[in-house]
Amino acid sequence: MNLTSVTSNLVSAWNSGDVQRIAGLYARDAVMVHALFPETLRGREAILAAESPMFGAFSDIDWKLVDSIASDDRVAVEWQVEATHSGEMPTPAGPLAPTGRRIVVKGSSHFRFDEKGSILSEHRYLDGAAMFAQLTG
């Protein structure tokens, strides 16, 4: 696994804000465990459906790679994203109207890739409490 290529693709896709491009990084049958979703997301279409509202809620996305490590078919990345809350965001308590606030969220993602370089699985961890505090505080 070429760590530079993988991380470059991730950074470029996330900063594009193009959800279709991001979804294209995942295998059709990929799975995602995400700190903000109670159920495991199964399949590219489920991942796309979960990510789309978030990209509709935020603009001016600046996704930065803080650190990364790779071994065989696995890559772990620590990241930080800054974005502006410019659209309605779905939450378990109902939609959160745009605040116009700039937020900073830190997290990590742990990926497993297939032989073609598509993401087979991702486990994403982030500080959701800090994110919501910045949005509502």
N, C-alpha and C. Protein backbone atom coordinates (compact mmCIF):
# COMPACT_ATOMS: atom_id res chain seq x y z
N MET A 1 0.85 -1.17 0.00
CA MET A 1 0.00 0.00 0.00
C MET A 1 0.89 1.23 0.00
N ASN A 2 0.68 2.11 -0.96
CA ASN A 2 1.45 3.35 -1.05
C ASN A 2 0.77 4.41 -0.18
N LEU A 3 1.35 4.66 0.99
CA LEU A 3 0.77 5.56 1.96
C LEU A 3 0.59 6.96 1.40
N THR A 4 1.58 7.46 0.66
CA THR A 4 1.50 8.81 0.10
C THR A 4 0.33 8.93 -0.86
N SER A 5 0.14 7.95 -1.71
CA SER A 5 -0.96 7.96 -2.68
C SER A 5 -2.31 7.90 -1.98
N VAL A 6 -2.43 7.00 -1.01
CA VAL A 6 -3.69 6.83 -0.29
C VAL A 6 -4.06 8.11 0.44
N THR A 7 -3.13 8.68 1.20
CA THR A 7 -3.44 9.87 1.97
C THR A 7 -3.69 11.08 1.06
N SER A 8 -2.99 11.15 -0.04
CA SER A 8 -3.22 12.24 -1.00
C SER A 8 -4.64 12.16 -1.57
N ASN A 9 -5.08 10.95 -1.92
CA ASN A 9 -6.44 10.76 -2.43
C ASN A 9 -7.49 11.14 -1.39
N LEU A 10 -7.25 10.76 -0.14
CA LEU A 10 -8.19 11.09 0.93
C LEU A 10 -8.29 12.60 1.13
N VAL A 11 -7.15 13.26 1.26
CA VAL A 11 -7.14 14.71 1.49
C VAL A 11 -7.81 15.44 0.34
N SER A 12 -7.47 15.07 -0.88
CA SER A 12 -8.02 15.72 -2.06
C SER A 12 -9.54 15.53 -2.14
N ALA A 13 -10.00 14.31 -1.90
CA ALA A 13 -11.44 14.03 -1.98
C ALA A 13 -12.21 14.79 -0.89
N TRP A 14 -11.73 14.74 0.35
CA TRP A 14 -12.44 15.43 1.43
C TRP A 14 -12.47 16.93 1.22
N ASN A 15 -11.37 17.50 0.77
CA ASN A 15 -11.34 18.95 0.56
C ASN A 15 -12.15 19.38 -0.66
N SER A 16 -12.46 18.46 -1.55
CA SER A 16 -13.28 18.81 -2.72
C SER A 16 -14.72 19.11 -2.31
N GLY A 17 -15.17 18.52 -1.19
CA GLY A 17 -16.56 18.68 -0.78
C GLY A 17 -17.53 17.93 -1.68
N ASP A 18 -17.00 17.15 -2.61
CA ASP A 18 -17.80 16.39 -3.57
C ASP A 18 -18.10 15.01 -2.99
N VAL A 19 -19.32 14.83 -2.51
CA VAL A 19 -19.69 13.59 -1.83
C VAL A 19 -19.61 12.39 -2.78
N GLN A 20 -19.94 12.59 -4.04
CA GLN A 20 -19.83 11.48 -5.01
C GLN A 20 -18.37 11.04 -5.15
N ARG A 21 -17.47 12.00 -5.18
CA ARG A 21 -16.04 11.68 -5.28
C ARG A 21 -15.58 10.92 -4.04
N ILE A 22 -16.02 11.37 -2.87
CA ILE A 22 -15.66 10.69 -1.63
C ILE A 22 -16.21 9.27 -1.64
N ALA A 23 -17.48 9.11 -2.01
CA ALA A 23 -18.10 7.78 -2.05
C ALA A 23 -17.35 6.87 -3.02
N GLY A 24 -16.80 7.44 -4.08
CA GLY A 24 -16.05 6.65 -5.06
C GLY A 24 -14.78 6.04 -4.51
N LEU A 25 -14.32 6.50 -3.36
CA LEU A 25 -13.14 5.90 -2.73
C LEU A 25 -13.47 4.55 -2.09
N TYR A 26 -14.76 4.30 -1.84
CA TYR A 26 -15.20 3.10 -1.13
C TYR A 26 -15.61 1.99 -2.10
N ALA A 27 -15.32 0.75 -1.72
CA ALA A 27 -15.81 -0.41 -2.47
C ALA A 27 -17.33 -0.44 -2.36
N ARG A 28 -17.98 -1.06 -3.33
CA ARG A 28 -19.46 -1.13 -3.32
C ARG A 28 -20.01 -1.74 -2.04
N ASP A 29 -19.29 -2.72 -1.48
CA ASP A 29 -19.77 -3.41 -0.28
C ASP A 29 -19.02 -2.97 0.98
N ALA A 30 -18.46 -1.78 0.96
CA ALA A 30 -17.70 -1.26 2.10
C ALA A 30 -18.59 -1.13 3.33
N VAL A 31 -17.96 -1.16 4.49
CA VAL A 31 -18.67 -0.90 5.75
C VAL A 31 -17.98 0.25 6.47
N MET A 32 -18.79 1.03 7.19
CA MET A 32 -18.25 2.14 7.98
C MET A 32 -18.87 2.12 9.36
N VAL A 33 -18.01 2.17 10.36
CA VAL A 33 -18.42 2.39 11.73
C VAL A 33 -18.05 3.84 12.02
N HIS A 34 -19.05 4.64 12.39
CA HIS A 34 -18.86 6.08 12.52
C HIS A 34 -19.40 6.51 13.88
N ALA A 35 -18.64 7.34 14.58
CA ALA A 35 -19.01 7.77 15.93
C ALA A 35 -20.35 8.49 15.99
N LEU A 36 -20.78 9.12 14.90
CA LEU A 36 -22.03 9.88 14.93
C LEU A 36 -23.25 9.07 14.49
N PHE A 37 -23.05 7.84 14.04
CA PHE A 37 -24.17 7.03 13.57
C PHE A 37 -24.30 5.78 14.43
N PRO A 38 -25.50 5.49 14.93
CA PRO A 38 -25.67 4.37 15.85
C PRO A 38 -25.50 3.00 15.20
N GLU A 39 -25.74 2.91 13.92
CA GLU A 39 -25.65 1.62 13.22
C GLU A 39 -24.47 1.63 12.25
N THR A 40 -23.89 0.46 12.02
CA THR A 40 -22.84 0.32 11.01
C THR A 40 -23.44 0.59 9.64
N LEU A 41 -22.75 1.41 8.86
CA LEU A 41 -23.19 1.70 7.49
C LEU A 41 -22.67 0.59 6.59
N ARG A 42 -23.55 0.02 5.77
CA ARG A 42 -23.17 -1.10 4.92
C ARG A 42 -23.41 -0.77 3.46
N GLY A 43 -22.32 -0.69 2.69
CA GLY A 43 -22.39 -0.42 1.27
C GLY A 43 -22.11 1.04 0.94
N ARG A 44 -21.56 1.25 -0.25
CA ARG A 44 -21.22 2.60 -0.71
C ARG A 44 -22.42 3.53 -0.68
N GLU A 45 -23.58 3.03 -1.09
CA GLU A 45 -24.77 3.88 -1.13
C GLU A 45 -25.20 4.33 0.27
N ALA A 46 -25.07 3.47 1.26
CA ALA A 46 -25.41 3.85 2.63
C ALA A 46 -24.42 4.89 3.16
N ILE A 47 -23.16 4.73 2.81
CA ILE A 47 -22.13 5.70 3.22
C ILE A 47 -22.41 7.04 2.55
N LEU A 48 -22.74 7.01 1.27
CA LEU A 48 -23.07 8.24 0.54
C LEU A 48 -24.28 8.93 1.16
N ALA A 49 -25.31 8.16 1.49
CA ALA A 49 -26.53 8.73 2.08
C ALA A 49 -26.24 9.35 3.45
N ALA A 50 -25.34 8.76 4.22
CA ALA A 50 -25.01 9.30 5.55
C ALA A 50 -24.13 10.54 5.45
N GLU A 51 -23.21 10.55 4.51
CA GLU A 51 -22.27 11.68 4.38
C GLU A 51 -22.91 12.90 3.70
N SER A 52 -23.84 12.69 2.79
CA SER A 52 -24.41 13.79 2.01
C SER A 52 -24.98 14.91 2.85
N PRO A 53 -25.80 14.63 3.87
CA PRO A 53 -26.35 15.74 4.66
C PRO A 53 -25.27 16.54 5.38
N MET A 54 -24.19 15.88 5.78
CA MET A 54 -23.11 16.60 6.47
C MET A 54 -22.42 17.56 5.51
N PHE A 55 -22.23 17.14 4.28
CA PHE A 55 -21.59 18.04 3.32
C PHE A 55 -22.55 19.14 2.88
N GLY A 56 -23.85 18.91 3.01
CA GLY A 56 -24.81 19.96 2.76
C GLY A 56 -24.85 20.98 3.89
N ALA A 57 -24.44 20.55 5.09
CA ALA A 57 -24.49 21.41 6.26
C ALA A 57 -23.23 22.26 6.43
N PHE A 58 -22.13 21.85 5.80
CA PHE A 58 -20.86 22.55 6.01
C PHE A 58 -20.24 22.96 4.69
N SER A 59 -19.57 24.12 4.71
CA SER A 59 -18.86 24.62 3.54
C SER A 59 -17.46 25.07 3.98
N ASP A 60 -16.69 25.53 3.03
CA ASP A 60 -15.31 25.99 3.32
C ASP A 60 -14.54 24.93 4.09
N ILE A 61 -14.61 23.71 3.61
CA ILE A 61 -14.00 22.57 4.29
C ILE A 61 -12.48 22.59 4.10
N ASP A 62 -11.77 22.44 5.21
CA ASP A 62 -10.31 22.36 5.18
C ASP A 62 -9.91 21.14 6.00
N TRP A 63 -9.73 20.01 5.31
CA TRP A 63 -9.41 18.74 5.93
C TRP A 63 -7.90 18.58 5.89
N LYS A 64 -7.29 18.41 7.06
CA LYS A 64 -5.83 18.30 7.15
C LYS A 64 -5.44 16.95 7.73
N LEU A 65 -4.44 16.36 7.13
CA LEU A 65 -3.85 15.14 7.66
C LEU A 65 -2.85 15.53 8.73
N VAL A 66 -3.03 15.01 9.94
CA VAL A 66 -2.11 15.31 11.04
C VAL A 66 -1.01 14.27 11.10
N ASP A 67 -1.39 12.99 10.95
CA ASP A 67 -0.42 11.90 11.01
C ASP A 67 -1.02 10.68 10.34
N SER A 68 -0.18 9.76 9.92
CA SER A 68 -0.68 8.53 9.29
C SER A 68 0.34 7.42 9.45
N ILE A 69 -0.18 6.20 9.36
CA ILE A 69 0.66 5.02 9.43
C ILE A 69 -0.01 3.93 8.60
N ALA A 70 0.80 3.11 7.95
CA ALA A 70 0.25 2.05 7.10
C ALA A 70 0.96 0.73 7.38
N SER A 71 0.21 -0.34 7.21
CA SER A 71 0.74 -1.69 7.33
C SER A 71 -0.10 -2.60 6.45
N ASP A 72 0.54 -3.19 5.45
CA ASP A 72 -0.15 -4.08 4.52
C ASP A 72 -1.35 -3.36 3.89
N ASP A 73 -2.56 -3.85 4.17
CA ASP A 73 -3.77 -3.28 3.56
C ASP A 73 -4.49 -2.31 4.48
N ARG A 74 -3.83 -1.84 5.52
CA ARG A 74 -4.46 -0.97 6.51
C ARG A 74 -3.73 0.36 6.62
N VAL A 75 -4.52 1.41 6.79
CA VAL A 75 -3.99 2.76 6.98
C VAL A 75 -4.78 3.42 8.10
N ALA A 76 -4.06 4.04 9.02
CA ALA A 76 -4.69 4.81 10.09
C ALA A 76 -4.26 6.26 9.92
N VAL A 77 -5.22 7.16 9.99
CA VAL A 77 -4.91 8.58 9.86
C VAL A 77 -5.53 9.35 11.02
N GLU A 78 -4.77 10.31 11.51
CA GLU A 78 -5.28 11.29 12.44
C GLU A 78 -5.52 12.54 11.62
N TRP A 79 -6.68 13.18 11.81
CA TRP A 79 -7.04 14.31 10.97
C TRP A 79 -7.66 15.43 11.80
N GLN A 80 -7.72 16.58 11.14
CA GLN A 80 -8.42 17.74 11.70
C GLN A 80 -9.16 18.39 10.55
N VAL A 81 -10.41 18.72 10.79
CA VAL A 81 -11.20 19.40 9.76
C VAL A 81 -11.75 20.70 10.34
N GLU A 82 -11.65 21.74 9.54
CA GLU A 82 -12.28 23.02 9.85
C GLU A 82 -13.34 23.24 8.79
N ALA A 83 -14.49 23.74 9.19
CA ALA A 83 -15.57 23.97 8.24
C ALA A 83 -16.53 25.01 8.81
N THR A 84 -17.31 25.60 7.91
CA THR A 84 -18.31 26.59 8.32
C THR A 84 -19.69 25.94 8.27
N HIS A 85 -20.44 26.08 9.35
CA HIS A 85 -21.80 25.52 9.42
C HIS A 85 -22.74 26.46 8.65
N SER A 86 -22.96 26.14 7.38
CA SER A 86 -23.69 27.04 6.49
C SER A 86 -25.02 26.48 6.01
N GLY A 87 -25.35 25.26 6.41
CA GLY A 87 -26.61 24.64 5.99
C GLY A 87 -27.23 23.87 7.14
N GLU A 88 -28.48 23.46 6.96
CA GLU A 88 -29.17 22.70 8.00
C GLU A 88 -28.47 21.36 8.22
N MET A 89 -28.28 21.02 9.51
CA MET A 89 -27.60 19.78 9.85
C MET A 89 -28.55 18.85 10.60
N PRO A 90 -28.69 17.62 10.11
CA PRO A 90 -29.55 16.67 10.82
C PRO A 90 -28.89 16.23 12.13
N THR A 91 -29.68 16.14 13.19
CA THR A 91 -29.21 15.62 14.48
C THR A 91 -30.29 14.71 15.04
N PRO A 92 -29.96 13.89 16.02
CA PRO A 92 -31.00 13.05 16.63
C PRO A 92 -32.14 13.86 17.25
N ALA A 93 -31.87 15.11 17.64
CA ALA A 93 -32.89 15.96 18.25
C ALA A 93 -33.65 16.79 17.21
N GLY A 94 -33.36 16.58 15.93
CA GLY A 94 -33.98 17.35 14.87
C GLY A 94 -32.96 18.23 14.18
N PRO A 95 -33.36 18.87 13.09
CA PRO A 95 -32.41 19.68 12.32
C PRO A 95 -31.87 20.87 13.10
N LEU A 96 -30.59 21.14 12.90
CA LEU A 96 -29.93 22.30 13.50
C LEU A 96 -29.75 23.34 12.40
N ALA A 97 -30.40 24.49 12.57
CA ALA A 97 -30.32 25.56 11.57
C ALA A 97 -28.87 26.05 11.45
N PRO A 98 -28.50 26.56 10.28
CA PRO A 98 -27.13 27.06 10.10
C PRO A 98 -26.79 28.14 11.12
N THR A 99 -25.60 28.03 11.69
CA THR A 99 -25.14 29.01 12.68
C THR A 99 -24.13 30.00 12.10
N GLY A 100 -23.52 29.63 10.97
CA GLY A 100 -22.46 30.44 10.40
C GLY A 100 -21.15 30.31 11.14
N ARG A 101 -21.11 29.46 12.13
CA ARG A 101 -19.90 29.30 12.95
C ARG A 101 -18.86 28.43 12.23
N ARG A 102 -17.62 28.79 12.45
CA ARG A 102 -16.49 28.00 11.96
C ARG A 102 -16.13 27.04 13.09
N ILE A 103 -16.05 25.75 12.78
CA ILE A 103 -15.74 24.75 13.79
C ILE A 103 -14.45 24.03 13.43
N VAL A 104 -13.84 23.43 14.45
CA VAL A 104 -12.65 22.60 14.28
C VAL A 104 -12.96 21.27 14.96
N VAL A 105 -12.81 20.18 14.21
CA VAL A 105 -13.08 18.85 14.74
C VAL A 105 -11.84 18.00 14.51
N LYS A 106 -11.44 17.26 15.54
CA LYS A 106 -10.30 16.36 15.44
C LYS A 106 -10.80 14.93 15.52
N GLY A 107 -10.11 14.03 14.80
CA GLY A 107 -10.52 12.64 14.83
C GLY A 107 -9.49 11.74 14.19
N SER A 108 -9.88 10.49 14.04
CA SER A 108 -9.03 9.51 13.37
C SER A 108 -9.91 8.55 12.58
N SER A 109 -9.32 8.02 11.53
CA SER A 109 -9.99 7.01 10.72
C SER A 109 -9.03 5.85 10.52
N HIS A 110 -9.59 4.66 10.60
CA HIS A 110 -8.81 3.44 10.42
C HIS A 110 -9.42 2.69 9.24
N PHE A 111 -8.63 2.57 8.18
CA PHE A 111 -9.10 2.02 6.91
C PHE A 111 -8.49 0.65 6.63
N ARG A 112 -9.25 -0.15 5.89
CA ARG A 112 -8.74 -1.38 5.27
C ARG A 112 -9.08 -1.28 3.79
N PHE A 113 -8.10 -1.57 2.94
CA PHE A 113 -8.25 -1.41 1.50
C PHE A 113 -8.22 -2.76 0.78
N ASP A 114 -8.87 -2.81 -0.39
CA ASP A 114 -8.76 -4.00 -1.24
C ASP A 114 -7.54 -3.86 -2.15
N GLU A 115 -7.32 -4.85 -2.99
CA GLU A 115 -6.13 -4.85 -3.85
C GLU A 115 -6.16 -3.76 -4.91
N LYS A 116 -7.33 -3.19 -5.19
CA LYS A 116 -7.46 -2.09 -6.16
C LYS A 116 -7.28 -0.72 -5.52
N GLY A 117 -7.20 -0.68 -4.19
CA GLY A 117 -7.05 0.59 -3.48
C GLY A 117 -8.36 1.19 -3.01
N SER A 118 -9.47 0.45 -3.15
CA SER A 118 -10.76 0.93 -2.65
C SER A 118 -10.89 0.63 -1.16
N ILE A 119 -11.58 1.48 -0.45
CA ILE A 119 -11.78 1.30 0.98
C ILE A 119 -12.80 0.19 1.20
N LEU A 120 -12.39 -0.85 1.93
CA LEU A 120 -13.29 -1.94 2.30
C LEU A 120 -14.00 -1.63 3.62
N SER A 121 -13.26 -1.01 4.54
CA SER A 121 -13.87 -0.66 5.82
C SER A 121 -13.20 0.58 6.38
N GLU A 122 -14.00 1.33 7.13
CA GLU A 122 -13.49 2.49 7.86
C GLU A 122 -14.14 2.52 9.23
N HIS A 123 -13.33 2.77 10.23
CA HIS A 123 -13.81 3.04 11.58
C HIS A 123 -13.38 4.47 11.87
N ARG A 124 -14.36 5.37 12.01
CA ARG A 124 -14.09 6.80 12.18
C ARG A 124 -14.48 7.23 13.58
N TYR A 125 -13.53 7.86 14.24
CA TYR A 125 -13.74 8.36 15.59
C TYR A 125 -13.49 9.85 15.59
N LEU A 126 -14.38 10.60 16.25
CA LEU A 126 -14.21 12.05 16.32
C LEU A 126 -14.81 12.56 17.61
N ASP A 127 -14.44 13.77 17.94
CA ASP A 127 -14.92 14.39 19.17
C ASP A 127 -16.25 15.08 18.88
N GLY A 128 -17.32 14.31 18.86
CA GLY A 128 -18.65 14.83 18.56
C GLY A 128 -19.12 15.84 19.59
N ALA A 129 -18.77 15.63 20.86
CA ALA A 129 -19.19 16.57 21.91
C ALA A 129 -18.59 17.95 21.66
N ALA A 130 -17.31 17.99 21.29
CA ALA A 130 -16.67 19.28 21.00
C ALA A 130 -17.30 19.93 19.78
N MET A 131 -17.64 19.12 18.77
CA MET A 131 -18.27 19.66 17.57
C MET A 131 -19.61 20.32 17.91
N PHE A 132 -20.46 19.62 18.65
CA PHE A 132 -21.77 20.16 18.98
C PHE A 132 -21.66 21.36 19.94
N ALA A 133 -20.67 21.34 20.81
CA ALA A 133 -20.46 22.49 21.71
C ALA A 133 -20.11 23.75 20.90
N GLN A 134 -19.30 23.56 19.85
CA GLN A 134 -18.94 24.70 19.01
C GLN A 134 -20.15 25.21 18.21
N LEU A 135 -21.03 24.32 17.85
CA LEU A 135 -22.19 24.69 17.06
C LEU A 135 -23.30 25.34 17.90
N THR A 136 -23.42 24.93 19.13
CA THR A 136 -24.54 25.39 19.94
C THR A 136 -24.13 26.31 21.09
N GLY A 137 -22.83 26.42 21.33
CA GLY A 137 -22.34 27.17 22.49
C GLY A 137 -22.31 28.65 22.34
